[in-house]
Amino acid sequence: MSTIVITGLVLILVAGVVIYNRLIRGRNRVSTAWSDIDVQLQRRHDLIPRLVSAVDQYAGYERATLEAVTALRTESMRTTDVGAKGKLEEKLKSGLDRIIALAESYPDLKANQNFLELQRELVETEDYLQFARRYYNGSVRDYNTLTGTVPNNVIAAWFKFAEREYFQKSSDDVANVPLVKLGTIE
């Protein structure tokens, strides 16, 4: 009888260790994925002053847009909360889109090689950021599922593995989905 009890306890202990290790792997995957996002956000943040400077030379009276983008960049760099950073980054992207759209009003700016290179780098960064965001959100989904299912949730609660927050979830839901009406793509 005692052999059965000891065997049962050993099996429970082994299962606990396996679950704990899976939780650690999941948490590390989320942290690594966030690091990828952070690198792309830093790259975007590094491009903003150069872009603002290039546009400012041609469109000085668009000062409010340029200052708003600069302020959003500063606020986002200070923010550590994932949800708040996601909302700030969505606003920042919108502001950057407005700056890029300014080029249409200024033919000299549109033809400026420095501006064109910055625009290309920004588009490339946005693509990398989208990939990193999707990977991060997928990692968060897997991790949150792992921490919320039985019996993992018992070990997760015991060792204080908390759910993680998605980054710009709404952007992933609507990214690159064309609207189709009456057989045409908009």
C-alpha atoms as a PDB file:
ATOM      1  CA  MET A   1       0.000   0.000   0.000  1.00  0.00           C
ATOM      2  CA  SER A   2       2.759   2.442   0.864  1.00  0.00           C
ATOM      3  CA  THR A   3       4.469   1.699  -2.476  1.00  0.00           C
ATOM      4  CA  ILE A   4       1.323   2.794  -4.306  1.00  0.00           C
ATOM      5  CA  VAL A   5       1.143   6.012  -2.273  1.00  0.00           C
ATOM      6  CA  ILE A   6       4.829   6.776  -2.860  1.00  0.00           C
ATOM      7  CA  THR A   7       4.467   6.035  -6.575  1.00  0.00           C
ATOM      8  CA  GLY A   8       1.411   8.296  -6.734  1.00  0.00           C
ATOM      9  CA  LEU A   9       3.257  11.119  -4.953  1.00  0.00           C
ATOM     10  CA  VAL A  10       6.263  10.732  -7.264  1.00  0.00           C
ATOM     11  CA  LEU A  11       3.981  10.894 -10.323  1.00  0.00           C
ATOM     12  CA  ILE A  12       2.281  14.029  -8.980  1.00  0.00           C
ATOM     13  CA  LEU A  13       5.679  15.597  -8.280  1.00  0.00           C
ATOM     14  CA  VAL A  14       6.945  14.742 -11.778  1.00  0.00           C
ATOM     15  CA  ALA A  15       3.753  16.136 -13.340  1.00  0.00           C
ATOM     16  CA  GLY A  16       4.184  19.329 -11.278  1.00  0.00           C
ATOM     17  CA  VAL A  17       7.768  19.730 -12.469  1.00  0.00           C
ATOM     18  CA  VAL A  18       6.760  19.167 -16.105  1.00  0.00           C
ATOM     19  CA  ILE A  19       3.949  21.721 -15.836  1.00  0.00           C
ATOM     20  CA  TYR A  20       6.212  24.219 -14.089  1.00  0.00           C
ATOM     21  CA  ASN A  21       8.833  23.882 -16.821  1.00  0.00           C
ATOM     22  CA  ARG A  22       6.192  24.391 -19.539  1.00  0.00           C
ATOM     23  CA  LEU A  23       5.032  27.549 -17.752  1.00  0.00           C
ATOM     24  CA  ILE A  24       8.624  28.826 -17.611  1.00  0.00           C
ATOM     25  CA  ARG A  25       9.095  28.132 -21.350  1.00  0.00           C
ATOM     26  CA  GLY A  26       5.852  29.948 -22.134  1.00  0.00           C
ATOM     27  CA  ARG A  27       6.789  32.954 -19.985  1.00  0.00           C
ATOM     28  CA  ASN A  28      10.248  33.097 -21.592  1.00  0.00           C
ATOM     29  CA  ARG A  29       8.717  32.906 -25.082  1.00  0.00           C
ATOM     30  CA  VAL A  30       6.460  35.871 -24.248  1.00  0.00           C
ATOM     31  CA  SER A  31       9.437  37.836 -22.895  1.00  0.00           C
ATOM     32  CA  THR A  32      11.496  37.097 -25.992  1.00  0.00           C
ATOM     33  CA  ALA A  33       8.606  38.075 -28.244  1.00  0.00           C
ATOM     34  CA  TRP A  34       8.224  41.351 -26.339  1.00  0.00           C
ATOM     35  CA  SER A  35      11.922  41.994 -26.846  1.00  0.00           C
ATOM     36  CA  ASP A  36      11.364  41.705 -30.620  1.00  0.00           C
ATOM     37  CA  ILE A  37       8.571  44.297 -30.418  1.00  0.00           C
ATOM     38  CA  ASP A  38      10.722  46.558 -28.281  1.00  0.00           C
ATOM     39  CA  VAL A  39      13.523  46.469 -30.867  1.00  0.00           C
ATOM     40  CA  GLN A  40      11.122  47.499 -33.652  1.00  0.00           C
ATOM     41  CA  LEU A  41       9.535  50.220 -31.511  1.00  0.00           C
ATOM     42  CA  GLN A  42      12.993  51.596 -30.749  1.00  0.00           C
ATOM     43  CA  ARG A  43      13.809  51.537 -34.466  1.00  0.00           C
ATOM     44  CA  ARG A  44      10.570  53.442 -35.182  1.00  0.00           C
ATOM     45  CA  HIS A  45      11.315  55.899 -32.390  1.00  0.00           C
ATOM     46  CA  ASP A  46      14.810  56.492 -33.783  1.00  0.00           C
ATOM     47  CA  LEU A  47      13.375  57.294 -37.231  1.00  0.00           C
ATOM     48  CA  ILE A  48      10.849  59.842 -35.966  1.00  0.00           C
ATOM     49  CA  PRO A  49      13.246  62.755 -35.217  1.00  0.00           C
ATOM     50  CA  ARG A  50      14.870  62.354 -38.636  1.00  0.00           C
ATOM     51  CA  LEU A  51      11.477  62.213 -40.356  1.00  0.00           C
ATOM     52  CA  VAL A  52      10.171  65.218 -38.418  1.00  0.00           C
ATOM     53  CA  SER A  53      13.309  67.158 -39.308  1.00  0.00           C
ATOM     54  CA  ALA A  54      13.001  66.328 -43.007  1.00  0.00           C
ATOM     55  CA  VAL A  55       9.327  67.301 -43.127  1.00  0.00           C
ATOM     56  CA  ASP A  56       9.865  70.415 -41.000  1.00  0.00           C
ATOM     57  CA  GLN A  57      12.170  71.872 -43.656  1.00  0.00           C
ATOM     58  CA  TYR A  58       9.343  71.781 -46.201  1.00  0.00           C
ATOM     59  CA  ALA A  59       6.175  72.011 -44.151  1.00  0.00           C
ATOM     60  CA  GLY A  60       6.969  74.281 -41.239  1.00  0.00           C
ATOM     61  CA  TYR A  61       3.352  75.318 -40.797  1.00  0.00           C
ATOM     62  CA  GLU A  62       2.402  71.693 -40.084  1.00  0.00           C
ATOM     63  CA  ARG A  63       4.036  72.220 -36.700  1.00  0.00           C
ATOM     64  CA  ALA A  64       1.075  70.849 -34.677  1.00  0.00           C
ATOM     65  CA  THR A  65       1.248  67.453 -36.398  1.00  0.00           C
ATOM     66  CA  LEU A  66       5.017  67.261 -35.993  1.00  0.00           C
ATOM     67  CA  GLU A  67       4.870  68.246 -32.315  1.00  0.00           C
ATOM     68  CA  ALA A  68       2.066  65.755 -31.610  1.00  0.00           C
ATOM     69  CA  VAL A  69       4.086  62.905 -33.122  1.00  0.00           C
ATOM     70  CA  THR A  70       7.164  63.925 -31.135  1.00  0.00           C
ATOM     71  CA  ALA A  71       5.140  64.090 -27.900  1.00  0.00           C
ATOM     72  CA  LEU A  72       3.588  60.665 -28.551  1.00  0.00           C
ATOM     73  CA  ARG A  73       7.052  59.222 -29.187  1.00  0.00           C
ATOM     74  CA  THR A  74       8.335  60.600 -25.880  1.00  0.00           C
ATOM     75  CA  GLU A  75       5.313  59.350 -23.940  1.00  0.00           C
ATOM     76  CA  SER A  76       5.517  55.890 -25.506  1.00  0.00           C
ATOM     77  CA  MET A  77       9.211  55.593 -24.694  1.00  0.00           C
ATOM     78  CA  ARG A  78       8.415  56.277 -21.008  1.00  0.00           C
ATOM     79  CA  THR A  79       5.469  53.868 -20.811  1.00  0.00           C
ATOM     80  CA  THR A  80       6.068  50.315 -19.626  1.00  0.00           C
ATOM     81  CA  ASP A  81       2.462  49.059 -19.456  1.00  0.00           C
ATOM     82  CA  VAL A  82       1.838  46.904 -22.550  1.00  0.00           C
ATOM     83  CA  GLY A  83      -1.789  47.987 -23.035  1.00  0.00           C
ATOM     84  CA  ALA A  84      -1.045  51.699 -22.640  1.00  0.00           C
ATOM     85  CA  LYS A  85       1.997  51.426 -24.911  1.00  0.00           C
ATOM     86  CA  GLY A  86      -0.144  49.695 -27.532  1.00  0.00           C
ATOM     87  CA  LYS A  87      -2.681  52.540 -27.532  1.00  0.00           C
ATOM     88  CA  LEU A  88       0.070  55.154 -27.724  1.00  0.00           C
ATOM     89  CA  GLU A  89       1.771  53.313 -30.577  1.00  0.00           C
ATOM     90  CA  GLU A  90      -1.504  53.156 -32.529  1.00  0.00           C
ATOM     91  CA  LYS A  91      -1.824  56.946 -32.163  1.00  0.00           C
ATOM     92  CA  LEU A  92       1.831  57.352 -33.107  1.00  0.00           C
ATOM     93  CA  LYS A  93       1.385  55.252 -36.246  1.00  0.00           C
ATOM     94  CA  SER A  94      -1.620  57.366 -37.203  1.00  0.00           C
ATOM     95  CA  GLY A  95       0.462  60.521 -36.747  1.00  0.00           C
ATOM     96  CA  LEU A  96       3.280  59.079 -38.833  1.00  0.00           C
ATOM     97  CA  ASP A  97       0.786  58.235 -41.568  1.00  0.00           C
ATOM     98  CA  ARG A  98      -0.330  61.895 -41.535  1.00  0.00           C
ATOM     99  CA  ILE A  99       3.292  63.046 -41.850  1.00  0.00           C
ATOM    100  CA  ILE A 100       3.885  60.712 -44.793  1.00  0.00           C
ATOM    101  CA  ALA A 101       0.673  62.009 -46.387  1.00  0.00           C
ATOM    102  CA  LEU A 102       2.093  65.545 -46.187  1.00  0.00           C
ATOM    103  CA  ALA A 103       4.518  64.605 -48.937  1.00  0.00           C
ATOM    104  CA  GLU A 104       1.637  64.675 -51.410  1.00  0.00           C
ATOM    105  CA  SER A 105       1.229  68.411 -50.751  1.00  0.00           C
ATOM    106  CA  TYR A 106       4.927  69.165 -51.159  1.00  0.00           C
ATOM    107  CA  PRO A 107       6.464  67.979 -54.457  1.00  0.00           C
ATOM    108  CA  ASP A 108       9.964  68.974 -53.325  1.00  0.00           C
ATOM    109  CA  LEU A 109       9.596  66.874 -50.176  1.00  0.00           C
ATOM    110  CA  LYS A 110       8.160  63.993 -52.180  1.00  0.00           C
ATOM    111  CA  ALA A 111      11.262  64.052 -54.403  1.00  0.00           C
ATOM    112  CA  ASN A 112      13.748  64.487 -51.530  1.00  0.00           C
ATOM    113  CA  GLN A 113      16.033  61.440 -51.409  1.00  0.00           C
ATOM    114  CA  ASN A 114      16.457  61.633 -47.628  1.00  0.00           C
ATOM    115  CA  PHE A 115      12.671  61.706 -47.120  1.00  0.00           C
ATOM    116  CA  LEU A 116      12.169  58.807 -49.523  1.00  0.00           C
ATOM    117  CA  GLU A 117      14.777  56.731 -47.683  1.00  0.00           C
ATOM    118  CA  LEU A 118      13.188  57.540 -44.311  1.00  0.00           C
ATOM    119  CA  GLN A 119       9.782  56.619 -45.703  1.00  0.00           C
ATOM    120  CA  ARG A 120      11.140  53.284 -46.978  1.00  0.00           C
ATOM    121  CA  GLU A 121      12.762  52.551 -43.602  1.00  0.00           C
ATOM    122  CA  LEU A 122       9.546  53.424 -41.798  1.00  0.00           C
ATOM    123  CA  VAL A 123       7.462  51.122 -43.993  1.00  0.00           C
ATOM    124  CA  GLU A 124       9.988  48.330 -43.457  1.00  0.00           C
ATOM    125  CA  THR A 125       9.919  48.923 -39.698  1.00  0.00           C
ATOM    126  CA  GLU A 126       6.116  48.837 -39.659  1.00  0.00           C
ATOM    127  CA  ASP A 127       6.193  45.492 -41.470  1.00  0.00           C
ATOM    128  CA  TYR A 128       8.672  44.048 -38.969  1.00  0.00           C
ATOM    129  CA  LEU A 129       6.625  45.470 -36.114  1.00  0.00           C
ATOM    130  CA  GLN A 130       3.480  43.816 -37.430  1.00  0.00           C
ATOM    131  CA  PHE A 131       5.250  40.440 -37.608  1.00  0.00           C
ATOM    132  CA  ALA A 132       6.683  40.889 -34.104  1.00  0.00           C
ATOM    133  CA  ARG A 133       3.277  41.925 -32.741  1.00  0.00           C
ATOM    134  CA  ARG A 134       1.599  38.864 -34.216  1.00  0.00           C
ATOM    135  CA  TYR A 135       4.264  36.569 -32.798  1.00  0.00           C
ATOM    136  CA  TYR A 136       4.009  38.250 -29.387  1.00  0.00           C
ATOM    137  CA  ASN A 137       0.214  38.057 -29.322  1.00  0.00           C
ATOM    138  CA  GLY A 138       0.368  34.396 -30.366  1.00  0.00           C
ATOM    139  CA  SER A 139       2.869  33.705 -27.592  1.00  0.00           C
ATOM    140  CA  VAL A 140       0.639  35.526 -25.092  1.00  0.00           C
ATOM    141  CA  ARG A 141      -2.386  33.528 -26.274  1.00  0.00           C
ATOM    142  CA  ASP A 142      -0.508  30.232 -25.821  1.00  0.00           C
ATOM    143  CA  TYR A 143       0.873  31.287 -22.433  1.00  0.00           C
ATOM    144  CA  ASN A 144      -2.510  32.514 -21.159  1.00  0.00           C
ATOM    145  CA  THR A 145      -4.118  29.267 -22.315  1.00  0.00           C
ATOM    146  CA  LEU A 146      -1.398  27.319 -20.514  1.00  0.00           C
ATOM    147  CA  THR A 147      -1.867  29.277 -17.268  1.00  0.00           C
ATOM    148  CA  GLY A 148      -5.652  29.027 -17.428  1.00  0.00           C
ATOM    149  CA  THR A 149      -6.189  25.316 -18.068  1.00  0.00           C
ATOM    150  CA  VAL A 150      -6.448  22.536 -15.515  1.00  0.00           C
ATOM    151  CA  PRO A 151      -4.167  21.313 -13.910  1.00  0.00           C
ATOM    152  CA  ASN A 152      -1.679  23.981 -15.087  1.00  0.00           C
ATOM    153  CA  ASN A 153      -3.691  26.744 -13.414  1.00  0.00           C
ATOM    154  CA  VAL A 154      -3.024  25.215  -9.983  1.00  0.00           C
ATOM    155  CA  ILE A 155       0.752  25.284 -10.489  1.00  0.00           C
ATOM    156  CA  ALA A 156       0.518  28.727 -12.181  1.00  0.00           C
ATOM    157  CA  ALA A 157      -1.410  30.196  -9.244  1.00  0.00           C
ATOM    158  CA  TRP A 158       0.906  28.586  -6.720  1.00  0.00           C
ATOM    159  CA  PHE A 159       4.007  30.082  -8.373  1.00  0.00           C
ATOM    160  CA  LYS A 160       2.264  33.357  -9.318  1.00  0.00           C
ATOM    161  CA  PHE A 161       2.349  33.001 -13.107  1.00  0.00           C
ATOM    162  CA  ALA A 162       0.014  35.827 -14.139  1.00  0.00           C
ATOM    163  CA  GLU A 163      -1.751  36.245 -17.472  1.00  0.00           C
ATOM    164  CA  ARG A 164      -0.061  38.586 -19.928  1.00  0.00           C
ATOM    165  CA  GLU A 165      -1.668  41.427 -21.858  1.00  0.00           C
ATOM    166  CA  TYR A 166      -1.948  41.521 -25.643  1.00  0.00           C
ATOM    167  CA  PHE A 167      -0.201  44.294 -27.591  1.00  0.00           C
ATOM    168  CA  GLN A 168      -2.466  46.230 -29.976  1.00  0.00           C
ATOM    169  CA  LYS A 169      -4.917  43.360 -30.283  1.00  0.00           C
ATOM    170  CA  SER A 170      -7.361  45.436 -32.312  1.00  0.00           C
ATOM    171  CA  SER A 171      -4.681  46.135 -34.920  1.00  0.00           C
ATOM    172  CA  ASP A 172      -4.085  42.427 -35.479  1.00  0.00           C
ATOM    173  CA  ASP A 173      -7.802  41.793 -35.872  1.00  0.00           C
ATOM    174  CA  VAL A 174      -8.163  44.277 -38.728  1.00  0.00           C
ATOM    175  CA  ALA A 175      -4.688  44.348 -40.256  1.00  0.00           C
ATOM    176  CA  ASN A 176      -4.536  43.889 -44.006  1.00  0.00           C
ATOM    177  CA  VAL A 177      -8.101  42.633 -44.382  1.00  0.00           C
ATOM    178  CA  PRO A 178      -9.589  44.039 -47.592  1.00  0.00           C
ATOM    179  CA  LEU A 179     -13.234  45.045 -47.585  1.00  0.00           C
ATOM    180  CA  VAL A 180     -15.161  43.407 -50.389  1.00  0.00           C
ATOM    181  CA  LYS A 181     -18.344  44.979 -51.786  1.00  0.00           C
ATOM    182  CA  LEU A 182     -20.223  43.726 -54.790  1.00  0.00           C
ATOM    183  CA  GLY A 183     -17.247  41.871 -56.181  1.00  0.00           C
ATOM    184  CA  THR A 184     -14.700  44.715 -55.796  1.00  0.00           C
ATOM    185  CA  ILE A 185     -11.898  45.157 -53.351  1.00  0.00           C
ATOM    186  CA  GLU A 186     -11.655  48.456 -51.498  1.00  0.00           C
END
